[in-house]
Amino acid sequence: MTPELIVTATLIAATLIYVLLCWILPFGRCRACSGTGNRRILLLRRVTFCRRCKGSGLRLRIGRRLYNTVHDARAQADAAAQTKTRETTR
């Protein structure tokens, strides 16, 4: 096997694994609070909930966010097409 083929196969496999991961586990650990849901404020030295994840400790993965955006855009386009079709048939 040539090196180019190995690199291409590796990239395709990594992409498929990430897509599968985004489908099965859409949420990952929050990077700001390391999945705890709490952050320590250095100035006052107290613990508050994380603003990024709103205290849940989870965040939506980038791939899943991209999928949701494309899915919503397609749903809006389909709804607009159906509305247009109904208006022209009247």
PDB file of N, CA and C in Angstrom:
ATOM      1  N   MET A   1       0.841  -1.178   0.000  1.00  0.00           N
ATOM      2  CA  MET A   1       0.000   0.000   0.000  1.00  0.00           C
ATOM      3  C   MET A   1       0.887   1.242   0.000  1.00  0.00           C
ATOM      4  N   THR A   2       0.455   2.223  -0.730  1.00  0.00           N
ATOM      5  CA  THR A   2       1.223   3.455  -0.796  1.00  0.00           C
ATOM      6  C   THR A   2       0.940   4.318   0.432  1.00  0.00           C
ATOM      7  N   PRO A   3       1.856   5.193   0.794  1.00  0.00           N
ATOM      8  CA  PRO A   3       1.629   6.060   1.957  1.00  0.00           C
ATOM      9  C   PRO A   3       0.402   6.961   1.798  1.00  0.00           C
ATOM     10  N   GLU A   4       0.135   7.411   0.564  1.00  0.00           N
ATOM     11  CA  GLU A   4      -1.032   8.262   0.349  1.00  0.00           C
ATOM     12  C   GLU A   4      -2.331   7.511   0.632  1.00  0.00           C
ATOM     13  N   LEU A   5      -2.363   6.256   0.250  1.00  0.00           N
ATOM     14  CA  LEU A   5      -3.550   5.438   0.491  1.00  0.00           C
ATOM     15  C   LEU A   5      -3.748   5.181   1.983  1.00  0.00           C
ATOM     16  N   ILE A   6      -2.655   4.966   2.687  1.00  0.00           N
ATOM     17  CA  ILE A   6      -2.737   4.736   4.134  1.00  0.00           C
ATOM     18  C   ILE A   6      -3.252   5.985   4.837  1.00  0.00           C
ATOM     19  N   VAL A   7      -2.738   7.145   4.456  1.00  0.00           N
ATOM     20  CA  VAL A   7      -3.185   8.398   5.071  1.00  0.00           C
ATOM     21  C   VAL A   7      -4.653   8.656   4.758  1.00  0.00           C
ATOM     22  N   THR A   8      -5.048   8.427   3.526  1.00  0.00           N
ATOM     23  CA  THR A   8      -6.443   8.628   3.137  1.00  0.00           C
ATOM     24  C   THR A   8      -7.371   7.680   3.894  1.00  0.00           C
ATOM     25  N   ALA A   9      -6.990   6.428   3.999  1.00  0.00           N
ATOM     26  CA  ALA A   9      -7.813   5.452   4.731  1.00  0.00           C
ATOM     27  C   ALA A   9      -7.909   5.815   6.207  1.00  0.00           C
ATOM     28  N   THR A  10      -6.819   6.300   6.778  1.00  0.00           N
ATOM     29  CA  THR A  10      -6.818   6.700   8.185  1.00  0.00           C
ATOM     30  C   THR A  10      -7.732   7.902   8.413  1.00  0.00           C
ATOM     31  N   LEU A  11      -7.674   8.889   7.525  1.00  0.00           N
ATOM     32  CA  LEU A  11      -8.536  10.063   7.660  1.00  0.00           C
ATOM     33  C   LEU A  11     -10.013   9.705   7.500  1.00  0.00           C
ATOM     34  N   ILE A  12     -10.309   8.824   6.562  1.00  0.00           N
ATOM     35  CA  ILE A  12     -11.698   8.393   6.377  1.00  0.00           C
ATOM     36  C   ILE A  12     -12.190   7.624   7.595  1.00  0.00           C
ATOM     37  N   ALA A  13     -11.353   6.760   8.142  1.00  0.00           N
ATOM     38  CA  ALA A  13     -11.737   5.997   9.337  1.00  0.00           C
ATOM     39  C   ALA A  13     -11.948   6.925  10.533  1.00  0.00           C
ATOM     40  N   ALA A  14     -11.063   7.901  10.711  1.00  0.00           N
ATOM     41  CA  ALA A  14     -11.206   8.839  11.830  1.00  0.00           C
ATOM     42  C   ALA A  14     -12.482   9.665  11.690  1.00  0.00           C
ATOM     43  N   THR A  15     -12.799  10.076  10.475  1.00  0.00           N
ATOM     44  CA  THR A  15     -14.014  10.848  10.236  1.00  0.00           C
ATOM     45  C   THR A  15     -15.255  10.017  10.528  1.00  0.00           C
ATOM     46  N   LEU A  16     -15.266   8.780  10.089  1.00  0.00           N
ATOM     47  CA  LEU A  16     -16.414   7.906  10.351  1.00  0.00           C
ATOM     48  C   LEU A  16     -16.586   7.628  11.837  1.00  0.00           C
ATOM     49  N   ILE A  17     -15.491   7.457  12.543  1.00  0.00           N
ATOM     50  CA  ILE A  17     -15.556   7.226  13.990  1.00  0.00           C
ATOM     51  C   ILE A  17     -16.125   8.454  14.687  1.00  0.00           C
ATOM     52  N   TYR A  18     -15.683   9.662  14.270  1.00  0.00           N
ATOM     53  CA  TYR A  18     -16.192  10.889  14.887  1.00  0.00           C
ATOM     54  C   TYR A  18     -17.679  11.079  14.590  1.00  0.00           C
ATOM     55  N   VAL A  19     -18.099  10.780  13.379  1.00  0.00           N
ATOM     56  CA  VAL A  19     -19.524  10.893  13.031  1.00  0.00           C
ATOM     57  C   VAL A  19     -20.344   9.923  13.877  1.00  0.00           C
ATOM     58  N   LEU A  20     -19.863   8.721  14.036  1.00  0.00           N
ATOM     59  CA  LEU A  20     -20.549   7.736  14.872  1.00  0.00           C
ATOM     60  C   LEU A  20     -20.601   8.194  16.323  1.00  0.00           C
ATOM     61  N   LEU A  21     -19.510   8.770  16.809  1.00  0.00           N
ATOM     62  CA  LEU A  21     -19.471   9.275  18.176  1.00  0.00           C
ATOM     63  C   LEU A  21     -20.470  10.411  18.368  1.00  0.00           C
ATOM     64  N   CYS A  22     -20.562  11.317  17.394  1.00  0.00           N
ATOM     65  CA  CYS A  22     -21.517  12.420  17.488  1.00  0.00           C
ATOM     66  C   CYS A  22     -22.957  11.923  17.440  1.00  0.00           C
ATOM     67  N   TRP A  23     -23.189  10.811  16.757  1.00  0.00           N
ATOM     68  CA  TRP A  23     -24.537  10.272  16.673  1.00  0.00           C
ATOM     69  C   TRP A  23     -24.920   9.546  17.962  1.00  0.00           C
ATOM     70  N   ILE A  24     -24.000   8.753  18.508  1.00  0.00           N
ATOM     71  CA  ILE A  24     -24.298   7.966  19.702  1.00  0.00           C
ATOM     72  C   ILE A  24     -24.218   8.807  20.976  1.00  0.00           C
ATOM     73  N   LEU A  25     -23.146   9.599  21.104  1.00  0.00           N
ATOM     74  CA  LEU A  25     -22.938  10.436  22.288  1.00  0.00           C
ATOM     75  C   LEU A  25     -22.816  11.897  21.860  1.00  0.00           C
ATOM     76  N   PRO A  26     -23.934  12.607  21.698  1.00  0.00           N
ATOM     77  CA  PRO A  26     -23.851  13.979  21.197  1.00  0.00           C
ATOM     78  C   PRO A  26     -23.234  14.963  22.185  1.00  0.00           C
ATOM     79  N   PHE A  27     -23.187  14.618  23.448  1.00  0.00           N
ATOM     80  CA  PHE A  27     -22.638  15.518  24.451  1.00  0.00           C
ATOM     81  C   PHE A  27     -21.281  15.037  24.937  1.00  0.00           C
ATOM     82  N   GLY A  28     -20.364  15.978  25.115  1.00  0.00           N
ATOM     83  CA  GLY A  28     -19.044  15.699  25.668  1.00  0.00           C
ATOM     84  C   GLY A  28     -18.855  16.496  26.946  1.00  0.00           C
ATOM     85  N   ARG A  29     -17.737  16.271  27.610  1.00  0.00           N
ATOM     86  CA  ARG A  29     -17.456  17.008  28.839  1.00  0.00           C
ATOM     87  C   ARG A  29     -17.150  18.467  28.524  1.00  0.00           C
ATOM     88  N   CYS A  30     -17.590  19.355  29.381  1.00  0.00           N
ATOM     89  CA  CYS A  30     -17.302  20.773  29.234  1.00  0.00           C
ATOM     90  C   CYS A  30     -15.817  21.002  29.496  1.00  0.00           C
ATOM     91  N   ARG A  31     -15.159  21.755  28.616  1.00  0.00           N
ATOM     92  CA  ARG A  31     -13.733  22.010  28.779  1.00  0.00           C
ATOM     93  C   ARG A  31     -13.454  23.051  29.852  1.00  0.00           C
ATOM     94  N   ALA A  32     -14.405  23.935  30.095  1.00  0.00           N
ATOM     95  CA  ALA A  32     -14.176  25.007  31.063  1.00  0.00           C
ATOM     96  C   ALA A  32     -14.156  24.485  32.496  1.00  0.00           C
ATOM     97  N   CYS A  33     -15.037  23.550  32.805  1.00  0.00           N
ATOM     98  CA  CYS A  33     -15.129  23.046  34.185  1.00  0.00           C
ATOM     99  C   CYS A  33     -14.702  21.594  34.307  1.00  0.00           C
ATOM    100  N   SER A  34     -14.207  21.005  33.231  1.00  0.00           N
ATOM    101  CA  SER A  34     -13.771  19.600  33.190  1.00  0.00           C
ATOM    102  C   SER A  34     -14.892  18.634  33.529  1.00  0.00           C
ATOM    103  N   GLY A  35     -16.117  19.016  33.220  1.00  0.00           N
ATOM    104  CA  GLY A  35     -17.251  18.125  33.407  1.00  0.00           C
ATOM    105  C   GLY A  35     -17.845  18.130  34.800  1.00  0.00           C
ATOM    106  N   THR A  36     -17.374  18.998  35.686  1.00  0.00           N
ATOM    107  CA  THR A  36     -17.920  19.027  37.039  1.00  0.00           C
ATOM    108  C   THR A  36     -19.164  19.892  37.152  1.00  0.00           C
ATOM    109  N   GLY A  37     -19.266  20.930  36.314  1.00  0.00           N
ATOM    110  CA  GLY A  37     -20.393  21.846  36.396  1.00  0.00           C
ATOM    111  C   GLY A  37     -20.120  23.021  37.299  1.00  0.00           C
ATOM    112  N   ASN A  38     -18.985  23.005  37.987  1.00  0.00           N
ATOM    113  CA  ASN A  38     -18.618  24.076  38.907  1.00  0.00           C
ATOM    114  C   ASN A  38     -17.296  24.699  38.488  1.00  0.00           C
ATOM    115  N   ARG A  39     -17.181  26.011  38.705  1.00  0.00           N
ATOM    116  CA  ARG A  39     -15.921  26.715  38.446  1.00  0.00           C
ATOM    117  C   ARG A  39     -15.568  27.522  39.673  1.00  0.00           C
ATOM    118  N   ARG A  40     -14.301  27.663  39.897  1.00  0.00           N
ATOM    119  CA  ARG A  40     -13.848  28.443  41.035  1.00  0.00           C
ATOM    120  C   ARG A  40     -13.491  29.842  40.570  1.00  0.00           C
ATOM    121  N   ILE A  41     -14.035  30.843  41.229  1.00  0.00           N
ATOM    122  CA  ILE A  41     -13.726  32.234  40.918  1.00  0.00           C
ATOM    123  C   ILE A  41     -12.493  32.613  41.718  1.00  0.00           C
ATOM    124  N   LEU A  42     -11.453  33.041  41.023  1.00  0.00           N
ATOM    125  CA  LEU A  42     -10.188  33.328  41.690  1.00  0.00           C
ATOM    126  C   LEU A  42     -10.249  34.574  42.558  1.00  0.00           C
ATOM    127  N   LEU A  43     -10.990  35.585  42.141  1.00  0.00           N
ATOM    128  CA  LEU A  43     -11.022  36.838  42.865  1.00  0.00           C
ATOM    129  C   LEU A  43     -11.666  36.686  44.242  1.00  0.00           C
ATOM    130  N   LEU A  44     -12.794  36.021  44.298  1.00  0.00           N
ATOM    131  CA  LEU A  44     -13.515  35.869  45.566  1.00  0.00           C
ATOM    132  C   LEU A  44     -13.287  34.508  46.214  1.00  0.00           C
ATOM    133  N   ARG A  45     -12.607  33.622  45.514  1.00  0.00           N
ATOM    134  CA  ARG A  45     -12.319  32.263  45.999  1.00  0.00           C
ATOM    135  C   ARG A  45     -13.576  31.510  46.409  1.00  0.00           C
ATOM    136  N   ARG A  46     -14.555  31.540  45.567  1.00  0.00           N
ATOM    137  CA  ARG A  46     -15.763  30.767  45.824  1.00  0.00           C
ATOM    138  C   ARG A  46     -16.086  29.941  44.590  1.00  0.00           C
ATOM    139  N   VAL A  47     -16.935  28.965  44.766  1.00  0.00           N
ATOM    140  CA  VAL A  47     -17.299  28.058  43.690  1.00  0.00           C
ATOM    141  C   VAL A  47     -18.686  28.440  43.186  1.00  0.00           C
ATOM    142  N   THR A  48     -18.806  28.598  41.857  1.00  0.00           N
ATOM    143  CA  THR A  48     -20.095  28.893  41.238  1.00  0.00           C
ATOM    144  C   THR A  48     -20.326  27.895  40.110  1.00  0.00           C
ATOM    145  N   PHE A  49     -21.515  27.924  39.553  1.00  0.00           N
ATOM    146  CA  PHE A  49     -21.792  27.027  38.436  1.00  0.00           C
ATOM    147  C   PHE A  49     -21.109  27.560  37.185  1.00  0.00           C
ATOM    148  N   CYS A  50     -20.791  26.667  36.284  1.00  0.00           N
ATOM    149  CA  CYS A  50     -20.095  27.007  35.043  1.00  0.00           C
ATOM    150  C   CYS A  50     -21.052  27.719  34.097  1.00  0.00           C
ATOM    151  N   ARG A  51     -20.622  28.854  33.535  1.00  0.00           N
ATOM    152  CA  ARG A  51     -21.484  29.600  32.624  1.00  0.00           C
ATOM    153  C   ARG A  51     -21.560  28.958  31.248  1.00  0.00           C
ATOM    154  N   ARG A  52     -20.522  28.261  30.832  1.00  0.00           N
ATOM    155  CA  ARG A  52     -20.535  27.653  29.500  1.00  0.00           C
ATOM    156  C   ARG A  52     -21.532  26.507  29.399  1.00  0.00           C
ATOM    157  N   CYS A  53     -21.539  25.648  30.404  1.00  0.00           N
ATOM    158  CA  CYS A  53     -22.434  24.480  30.352  1.00  0.00           C
ATOM    159  C   CYS A  53     -23.665  24.658  31.230  1.00  0.00           C
ATOM    160  N   LYS A  54     -23.785  25.813  31.876  1.00  0.00           N
ATOM    161  CA  LYS A  54     -24.906  26.128  32.779  1.00  0.00           C
ATOM    162  C   LYS A  54     -25.028  25.120  33.920  1.00  0.00           C
ATOM    163  N   GLY A  55     -23.883  24.616  34.376  1.00  0.00           N
ATOM    164  CA  GLY A  55     -23.849  23.733  35.530  1.00  0.00           C
ATOM    165  C   GLY A  55     -24.079  22.269  35.236  1.00  0.00           C
ATOM    166  N   SER A  56     -24.295  21.908  33.982  1.00  0.00           N
ATOM    167  CA  SER A  56     -24.569  20.503  33.677  1.00  0.00           C
ATOM    168  C   SER A  56     -23.296  19.681  33.527  1.00  0.00           C
ATOM    169  N   GLY A  57     -22.189  20.324  33.167  1.00  0.00           N
ATOM    170  CA  GLY A  57     -20.938  19.605  32.951  1.00  0.00           C
ATOM    171  C   GLY A  57     -20.820  19.025  31.557  1.00  0.00           C
ATOM    172  N   LEU A  58     -21.830  19.256  30.701  1.00  0.00           N
ATOM    173  CA  LEU A  58     -21.841  18.712  29.349  1.00  0.00           C
ATOM    174  C   LEU A  58     -21.921  19.827  28.321  1.00  0.00           C
ATOM    175  N   ARG A  59     -21.391  19.572  27.137  1.00  0.00           N
ATOM    176  CA  ARG A  59     -21.482  20.504  26.018  1.00  0.00           C
ATOM    177  C   ARG A  59     -21.815  19.709  24.765  1.00  0.00           C
ATOM    178  N   LEU A  60     -22.452  20.375  23.821  1.00  0.00           N
ATOM    179  CA  LEU A  60     -22.794  19.729  22.556  1.00  0.00           C
ATOM    180  C   LEU A  60     -21.551  19.688  21.671  1.00  0.00           C
ATOM    181  N   ARG A  61     -21.251  18.534  21.124  1.00  0.00           N
ATOM    182  CA  ARG A  61     -20.065  18.400  20.275  1.00  0.00           C
ATOM    183  C   ARG A  61     -20.208  19.237  19.008  1.00  0.00           C
ATOM    184  N   ILE A  62     -19.075  19.650  18.450  1.00  0.00           N
ATOM    185  CA  ILE A  62     -19.069  20.502  17.261  1.00  0.00           C
ATOM    186  C   ILE A  62     -19.729  19.790  16.078  1.00  0.00           C
ATOM    187  N   GLY A  63     -19.440  18.521  15.896  1.00  0.00           N
ATOM    188  CA  GLY A  63     -20.033  17.767  14.799  1.00  0.00           C
ATOM    189  C   GLY A  63     -21.541  17.661  14.928  1.00  0.00           C
ATOM    190  N   ARG A  64     -22.030  17.483  16.134  1.00  0.00           N
ATOM    191  CA  ARG A  64     -23.468  17.391  16.351  1.00  0.00           C
ATOM    192  C   ARG A  64     -24.124  18.752  16.145  1.00  0.00           C
ATOM    193  N   ARG A  65     -23.436  19.823  16.561  1.00  0.00           N
ATOM    194  CA  ARG A  65     -23.949  21.167  16.346  1.00  0.00           C
ATOM    195  C   ARG A  65     -24.064  21.458  14.851  1.00  0.00           C
ATOM    196  N   LEU A  66     -23.083  21.026  14.093  1.00  0.00           N
ATOM    197  CA  LEU A  66     -23.109  21.207  12.638  1.00  0.00           C
ATOM    198  C   LEU A  66     -24.249  20.398  12.018  1.00  0.00           C
ATOM    199  N   TYR A  67     -24.426  19.160  12.463  1.00  0.00           N
ATOM    200  CA  TYR A  67     -25.529  18.325  11.969  1.00  0.00           C
ATOM    201  C   TYR A  67     -26.874  18.975  12.272  1.00  0.00           C
ATOM    202  N   ASN A  68     -27.051  19.483  13.493  1.00  0.00           N
ATOM    203  CA  ASN A  68     -28.324  20.116  13.863  1.00  0.00           C
ATOM    204  C   ASN A  68     -28.608  21.339  13.008  1.00  0.00           C
ATOM    205  N   THR A  69     -27.575  22.135  12.691  1.00  0.00           N
ATOM    206  CA  THR A  69     -27.753  23.318  11.857  1.00  0.00           C
ATOM    207  C   THR A  69     -28.203  22.940  10.459  1.00  0.00           C
ATOM    208  N   VAL A  70     -27.553  21.944   9.875  1.00  0.00           N
ATOM    209  CA  VAL A  70     -27.915  21.502   8.525  1.00  0.00           C
ATOM    210  C   VAL A  70     -29.311  20.897   8.525  1.00  0.00           C
ATOM    211  N   HIS A  71     -29.637  20.119   9.530  1.00  0.00           N
ATOM    212  CA  HIS A  71     -30.953  19.490   9.618  1.00  0.00           C
ATOM    213  C   HIS A  71     -32.051  20.539   9.753  1.00  0.00           C
ATOM    214  N   ASP A  72     -31.839  21.559  10.593  1.00  0.00           N
ATOM    215  CA  ASP A  72     -32.839  22.615  10.752  1.00  0.00           C
ATOM    216  C   ASP A  72     -33.014  23.423   9.472  1.00  0.00           C
ATOM    217  N   ALA A  73     -31.911  23.700   8.771  1.00  0.00           N
ATOM    218  CA  ALA A  73     -32.003  24.453   7.518  1.00  0.00           C
ATOM    219  C   ALA A  73     -32.787  23.665   6.472  1.00  0.00           C
ATOM    220  N   ARG A  74     -32.552  22.368   6.426  1.00  0.00           N
ATOM    221  CA  ARG A  74     -33.285  21.541   5.469  1.00  0.00           C
ATOM    222  C   ARG A  74     -34.767  21.469   5.819  1.00  0.00           C
ATOM    223  N   ALA A  75     -35.083  21.369   7.106  1.00  0.00           N
ATOM    224  CA  ALA A  75     -36.476  21.327   7.528  1.00  0.00           C
ATOM    225  C   ALA A  75     -37.185  22.635   7.192  1.00  0.00           C
ATOM    226  N   GLN A  76     -36.500  23.757   7.374  1.00  0.00           N
ATOM    227  CA  GLN A  76     -37.098  25.047   7.022  1.00  0.00           C
ATOM    228  C   GLN A  76     -37.311  25.164   5.522  1.00  0.00           C
ATOM    229  N   ALA A  77     -36.363  24.663   4.738  1.00  0.00           N
ATOM    230  CA  ALA A  77     -36.505  24.704   3.283  1.00  0.00           C
ATOM    231  C   ALA A  77     -37.666  23.834   2.830  1.00  0.00           C
ATOM    232  N   ASP A  78     -37.817  22.657   3.433  1.00  0.00           N
ATOM    233  CA  ASP A  78     -38.941  21.782   3.086  1.00  0.00           C
ATOM    234  C   ASP A  78     -40.275  22.421   3.445  1.00  0.00           C
ATOM    235  N   ALA A  79     -40.331  23.075   4.609  1.00  0.00           N
ATOM    236  CA  ALA A  79     -41.564  23.738   5.026  1.00  0.00           C
ATOM    237  C   ALA A  79     -41.905  24.882   4.085  1.00  0.00           C
ATOM    238  N   ALA A  80     -40.883  25.628   3.672  1.00  0.00           N
ATOM    239  CA  ALA A  80     -41.122  26.737   2.737  1.00  0.00           C
ATOM    240  C   ALA A  80     -41.591  26.214   1.386  1.00  0.00           C
ATOM    241  N   ALA A  81     -41.035  25.102   0.935  1.00  0.00           N
ATOM    242  CA  ALA A  81     -41.444  24.521  -0.341  1.00  0.00           C
ATOM    243  C   ALA A  81     -42.887  24.020  -0.278  1.00  0.00           C
ATOM    244  N   GLN A  82     -43.267  23.420   0.838  1.00  0.00           N
ATOM    245  CA  GLN A  82     -44.645  22.951   0.979  1.00  0.00           C
ATOM    246  C   GLN A  82     -45.613  24.118   1.015  1.00  0.00           C
ATOM    247  N   THR A  83     -45.241  25.182   1.683  1.00  0.00           N
ATOM    248  CA  THR A  83     -46.096  26.380   1.730  1.00  0.00           C
ATOM    249  C   THR A  83     -46.261  26.981   0.342  1.00  0.00           C
ATOM    250  N   LYS A  84     -45.170  27.024  -0.401  1.00  0.00           N
ATOM    251  CA  LYS A  84     -45.208  27.570  -1.766  1.00  0.00           C
ATOM    252  C   LYS A  84     -46.090  26.708  -2.659  1.00  0.00           C
ATOM    253  N   THR A  85     -46.008  25.382  -2.495  1.00  0.00           N
ATOM    254  CA  THR A  85     -46.806  24.470  -3.287  1.00  0.00           C
ATOM    255  C   THR A  85     -48.294  24.644  -2.981  1.00  0.00           C
ATOM    256  N   ARG A  86     -48.614  24.824  -1.714  1.00  0.00           N
ATOM    257  CA  ARG A  86     -50.013  25.020  -1.326  1.00  0.00           C
ATOM    258  C   ARG A  86     -50.555  26.326  -1.900  1.00  0.00           C
ATOM    259  N   GLU A  87     -49.737  27.365  -1.917  1.00  0.00           N
ATOM    260  CA  GLU A  87     -50.194  28.664  -2.425  1.00  0.00           C
ATOM    261  C   GLU A  87     -50.430  28.617  -3.931  1.00  0.00           C
ATOM    262  N   THR A  88     -49.608  27.868  -4.651  1.00  0.00           N
ATOM    263  CA  THR A  88     -49.777  27.817  -6.108  1.00  0.00           C
ATOM    264  C   THR A  88     -50.948  26.933  -6.531  1.00  0.00           C
ATOM    265  N   THR A  89     -51.369  26.014  -5.708  1.00  0.00           N
ATOM    266  CA  THR A  89     -52.476  25.115  -6.065  1.00  0.00           C
ATOM    267  C   THR A  89     -53.824  25.763  -5.785  1.00  0.00           C
ATOM    268  N   ARG A  90     -53.861  26.845  -5.075  1.00  0.00           N
ATOM    269  CA  ARG A  90     -55.148  27.494  -4.768  1.00  0.00           C
ATOM    270  C   ARG A  90     -55.697  28.242  -5.921  1.00  0.00           C
TER     271      ARG A  90
END
